[in-house]
């Protein structure tokens, strides 16, 4: 996948995570951690270095968001699939 397309999808996911309303502390912490990690990847010099770890993190966190935030979960799965 081209870096520009990946960057665009990750920016969209990052924005969606930041726009989630405050919720229970467990999902809030996961959201904050995931948003921070995505931002680190986007701000880094070489996004390709994050491909494997981003794919893993997105797949692992998918379940946590699936029921309460299906739109974000779908976006997470789409980005993870693009990274694989």
N, C-alpha and C. Protein backbone atom coordinates (compact mmCIF):
# COMPACT_ATOMS: atom_id res chain seq x y z
N UNK A 1 0.84 -1.18 0.00
CA UNK A 1 0.00 0.00 0.00
C UNK A 1 0.88 1.23 0.00
N UNK A 2 0.47 2.24 -0.73
CA UNK A 2 1.23 3.47 -0.78
C UNK A 2 1.18 4.19 0.56
N UNK A 3 2.30 4.79 0.89
CA UNK A 3 2.41 5.50 2.16
C UNK A 3 1.35 6.59 2.30
N UNK A 4 1.05 7.30 1.22
CA UNK A 4 0.07 8.39 1.28
C UNK A 4 -1.32 7.87 1.60
N UNK A 5 -1.72 6.74 1.00
CA UNK A 5 -3.03 6.16 1.27
C UNK A 5 -3.12 5.65 2.71
N UNK A 6 -2.08 4.99 3.14
CA UNK A 6 -2.04 4.50 4.51
C UNK A 6 -2.11 5.66 5.49
N UNK A 7 -1.35 6.66 5.22
CA UNK A 7 -1.32 7.85 6.08
C UNK A 7 -2.73 8.47 6.18
N UNK A 8 -3.41 8.56 5.05
CA UNK A 8 -4.76 9.13 5.03
C UNK A 8 -5.73 8.30 5.87
N UNK A 9 -5.68 6.98 5.71
CA UNK A 9 -6.57 6.11 6.49
C UNK A 9 -6.26 6.17 7.97
N UNK A 10 -4.97 6.22 8.32
CA UNK A 10 -4.60 6.32 9.73
C UNK A 10 -5.00 7.67 10.32
N UNK A 11 -4.88 8.73 9.55
CA UNK A 11 -5.32 10.05 10.02
C UNK A 11 -6.82 10.02 10.30
N UNK A 12 -7.58 9.39 9.41
CA UNK A 12 -9.03 9.30 9.61
C UNK A 12 -9.36 8.49 10.86
N UNK A 13 -8.68 7.36 11.06
CA UNK A 13 -8.90 6.56 12.26
C UNK A 13 -8.52 7.34 13.51
N UNK A 14 -7.41 8.03 13.47
CA UNK A 14 -6.96 8.84 14.60
C UNK A 14 -8.02 9.89 14.96
N UNK A 15 -8.56 10.56 13.97
CA UNK A 15 -9.58 11.58 14.19
C UNK A 15 -10.85 10.97 14.77
N UNK A 16 -11.26 9.83 14.25
CA UNK A 16 -12.45 9.15 14.77
C UNK A 16 -12.26 8.77 16.24
N UNK A 17 -11.09 8.29 16.58
CA UNK A 17 -10.81 7.93 17.98
C UNK A 17 -10.87 9.16 18.88
N UNK A 18 -10.29 10.25 18.42
CA UNK A 18 -10.29 11.47 19.23
C UNK A 18 -11.69 12.06 19.39
N UNK A 19 -12.56 11.80 18.44
CA UNK A 19 -13.92 12.35 18.48
C UNK A 19 -14.91 11.49 19.25
N UNK A 20 -14.46 10.35 19.76
CA UNK A 20 -15.36 9.53 20.57
C UNK A 20 -15.70 10.27 21.86
N UNK A 21 -16.96 10.21 22.26
CA UNK A 21 -17.31 10.85 23.53
C UNK A 21 -16.68 10.07 24.69
N UNK A 22 -16.46 10.75 25.80
CA UNK A 22 -15.92 10.04 26.97
C UNK A 22 -16.83 8.88 27.35
N UNK A 23 -16.22 7.80 27.75
CA UNK A 23 -16.98 6.61 28.12
C UNK A 23 -16.39 5.97 29.35
N UNK A 24 -16.64 4.67 29.48
CA UNK A 24 -16.08 3.97 30.63
C UNK A 24 -14.57 4.01 30.57
N UNK A 25 -13.95 3.96 31.71
CA UNK A 25 -12.51 4.19 31.79
C UNK A 25 -11.69 3.17 31.01
N UNK A 26 -12.13 1.91 30.94
CA UNK A 26 -11.36 0.88 30.25
C UNK A 26 -11.27 1.17 28.75
N UNK A 27 -12.39 1.50 28.13
CA UNK A 27 -12.38 1.79 26.70
C UNK A 27 -11.72 3.15 26.45
N UNK A 28 -11.88 4.07 27.37
CA UNK A 28 -11.26 5.39 27.25
C UNK A 28 -9.74 5.25 27.22
N UNK A 29 -9.22 4.42 28.09
CA UNK A 29 -7.77 4.20 28.14
C UNK A 29 -7.27 3.54 26.85
N UNK A 30 -8.01 2.54 26.37
CA UNK A 30 -7.63 1.88 25.12
C UNK A 30 -7.66 2.88 23.96
N UNK A 31 -8.70 3.70 23.93
CA UNK A 31 -8.82 4.71 22.88
C UNK A 31 -7.65 5.68 22.92
N UNK A 32 -7.34 6.17 24.09
CA UNK A 32 -6.24 7.13 24.24
C UNK A 32 -4.90 6.52 23.85
N UNK A 33 -4.67 5.29 24.29
CA UNK A 33 -3.41 4.60 23.95
C UNK A 33 -3.30 4.35 22.45
N UNK A 34 -4.40 3.92 21.83
CA UNK A 34 -4.38 3.65 20.41
C UNK A 34 -4.19 4.94 19.61
N UNK A 35 -4.89 5.99 19.99
CA UNK A 35 -4.74 7.28 19.31
C UNK A 35 -3.30 7.78 19.43
N UNK A 36 -2.72 7.63 20.60
CA UNK A 36 -1.34 8.06 20.82
C UNK A 36 -0.37 7.26 19.94
N UNK A 37 -0.57 5.96 19.87
CA UNK A 37 0.31 5.11 19.07
C UNK A 37 0.20 5.45 17.59
N UNK A 38 -1.01 5.66 17.12
CA UNK A 38 -1.22 6.03 15.72
C UNK A 38 -0.54 7.37 15.43
N UNK A 39 -0.68 8.31 16.35
CA UNK A 39 -0.05 9.63 16.16
C UNK A 39 1.46 9.49 16.09
N UNK A 40 2.04 8.65 16.96
CA UNK A 40 3.49 8.41 16.93
C UNK A 40 3.91 7.85 15.58
N UNK A 41 3.14 6.90 15.07
CA UNK A 41 3.46 6.31 13.77
C UNK A 41 3.37 7.37 12.66
N UNK A 42 2.35 8.19 12.71
CA UNK A 42 2.16 9.21 11.68
C UNK A 42 3.24 10.29 11.76
N UNK A 43 3.69 10.61 12.95
CA UNK A 43 4.69 11.65 13.13
C UNK A 43 6.12 11.17 12.90
N UNK A 44 6.30 9.86 12.85
CA UNK A 44 7.63 9.30 12.66
C UNK A 44 8.14 9.52 11.25
N UNK A 45 9.42 9.29 11.07
CA UNK A 45 10.06 9.49 9.77
C UNK A 45 9.73 8.38 8.77
N UNK A 46 9.45 7.18 9.27
CA UNK A 46 9.26 6.04 8.37
C UNK A 46 8.05 5.23 8.82
N UNK A 47 6.92 5.50 8.22
CA UNK A 47 5.68 4.83 8.58
C UNK A 47 5.75 3.33 8.33
N UNK A 48 6.55 2.92 7.36
CA UNK A 48 6.67 1.50 7.03
C UNK A 48 7.18 0.69 8.23
N UNK A 49 8.01 1.30 9.07
CA UNK A 49 8.51 0.61 10.26
C UNK A 49 7.39 0.19 11.20
N UNK A 50 6.24 0.83 11.12
CA UNK A 50 5.13 0.56 12.02
C UNK A 50 4.12 -0.44 11.44
N UNK A 51 4.29 -0.88 10.20
CA UNK A 51 3.28 -1.72 9.56
C UNK A 51 2.89 -2.93 10.41
N UNK A 52 3.85 -3.74 10.78
CA UNK A 52 3.56 -4.97 11.51
C UNK A 52 2.96 -4.67 12.88
N UNK A 53 3.55 -3.74 13.61
CA UNK A 53 3.04 -3.45 14.95
C UNK A 53 1.66 -2.80 14.89
N UNK A 54 1.43 -1.93 13.92
CA UNK A 54 0.10 -1.33 13.78
C UNK A 54 -0.95 -2.38 13.45
N UNK A 55 -0.61 -3.28 12.55
CA UNK A 55 -1.55 -4.35 12.19
C UNK A 55 -1.90 -5.18 13.43
N UNK A 56 -0.91 -5.54 14.21
CA UNK A 56 -1.12 -6.33 15.41
C UNK A 56 -1.99 -5.58 16.42
N UNK A 57 -1.66 -4.34 16.69
CA UNK A 57 -2.42 -3.54 17.66
C UNK A 57 -3.86 -3.36 17.22
N UNK A 58 -4.07 -3.04 15.96
CA UNK A 58 -5.43 -2.83 15.46
C UNK A 58 -6.26 -4.11 15.55
N UNK A 59 -5.67 -5.24 15.20
CA UNK A 59 -6.38 -6.51 15.31
C UNK A 59 -6.69 -6.87 16.76
N UNK A 60 -5.76 -6.60 17.65
CA UNK A 60 -5.98 -6.92 19.07
C UNK A 60 -7.06 -6.03 19.69
N UNK A 61 -7.09 -4.77 19.32
CA UNK A 61 -8.03 -3.83 19.92
C UNK A 61 -9.40 -3.83 19.25
N UNK A 62 -9.52 -4.49 18.12
CA UNK A 62 -10.77 -4.54 17.38
C UNK A 62 -11.94 -4.98 18.26
N UNK A 63 -11.75 -6.04 19.02
CA UNK A 63 -12.82 -6.60 19.85
C UNK A 63 -13.30 -5.60 20.90
N UNK A 64 -12.39 -4.83 21.45
CA UNK A 64 -12.76 -3.85 22.48
C UNK A 64 -13.71 -2.78 21.94
N UNK A 65 -13.61 -2.48 20.66
CA UNK A 65 -14.42 -1.41 20.07
C UNK A 65 -15.64 -1.94 19.30
N UNK A 66 -15.65 -3.22 19.00
CA UNK A 66 -16.64 -3.79 18.09
C UNK A 66 -18.09 -3.56 18.51
N UNK A 67 -18.43 -3.76 19.75
CA UNK A 67 -19.82 -3.64 20.18
C UNK A 67 -20.27 -2.20 20.35
N UNK A 68 -19.49 -1.40 21.02
CA UNK A 68 -19.91 -0.03 21.33
C UNK A 68 -19.60 0.98 20.23
N UNK A 69 -18.60 0.68 19.42
CA UNK A 69 -18.18 1.62 18.38
C UNK A 69 -17.91 0.87 17.07
N UNK A 70 -18.96 0.31 16.46
CA UNK A 70 -18.75 -0.53 15.27
C UNK A 70 -18.14 0.23 14.09
N UNK A 71 -18.42 1.50 13.95
CA UNK A 71 -17.84 2.27 12.84
C UNK A 71 -16.32 2.32 12.98
N UNK A 72 -15.85 2.59 14.18
CA UNK A 72 -14.41 2.64 14.42
C UNK A 72 -13.80 1.25 14.29
N UNK A 73 -14.50 0.23 14.79
CA UNK A 73 -13.99 -1.14 14.68
C UNK A 73 -13.85 -1.53 13.21
N UNK A 74 -14.82 -1.16 12.40
CA UNK A 74 -14.74 -1.46 10.97
C UNK A 74 -13.55 -0.75 10.32
N UNK A 75 -13.35 0.49 10.68
CA UNK A 75 -12.21 1.24 10.15
C UNK A 75 -10.89 0.63 10.61
N UNK A 76 -10.84 0.20 11.86
CA UNK A 76 -9.64 -0.44 12.39
C UNK A 76 -9.33 -1.72 11.59
N UNK A 77 -10.36 -2.51 11.33
CA UNK A 77 -10.18 -3.77 10.60
C UNK A 77 -9.75 -3.49 9.16
N UNK A 78 -10.33 -2.46 8.55
CA UNK A 78 -9.96 -2.11 7.18
C UNK A 78 -8.50 -1.69 7.08
N UNK A 79 -8.05 -0.87 8.02
CA UNK A 79 -6.64 -0.44 8.01
C UNK A 79 -5.73 -1.63 8.29
N UNK A 80 -6.11 -2.48 9.23
CA UNK A 80 -5.30 -3.67 9.53
C UNK A 80 -5.18 -4.58 8.32
N UNK A 81 -6.28 -4.74 7.59
CA UNK A 81 -6.24 -5.56 6.38
C UNK A 81 -5.33 -4.95 5.32
N UNK A 82 -5.32 -3.65 5.22
CA UNK A 82 -4.44 -2.99 4.27
C UNK A 82 -2.97 -3.17 4.64
N UNK A 83 -2.72 -3.26 5.92
CA UNK A 83 -1.34 -3.42 6.41
C UNK A 83 -0.82 -4.84 6.23
N UNK A 84 -1.74 -5.80 6.11
CA UNK A 84 -1.31 -7.21 6.04
C UNK A 84 -0.78 -7.58 4.67
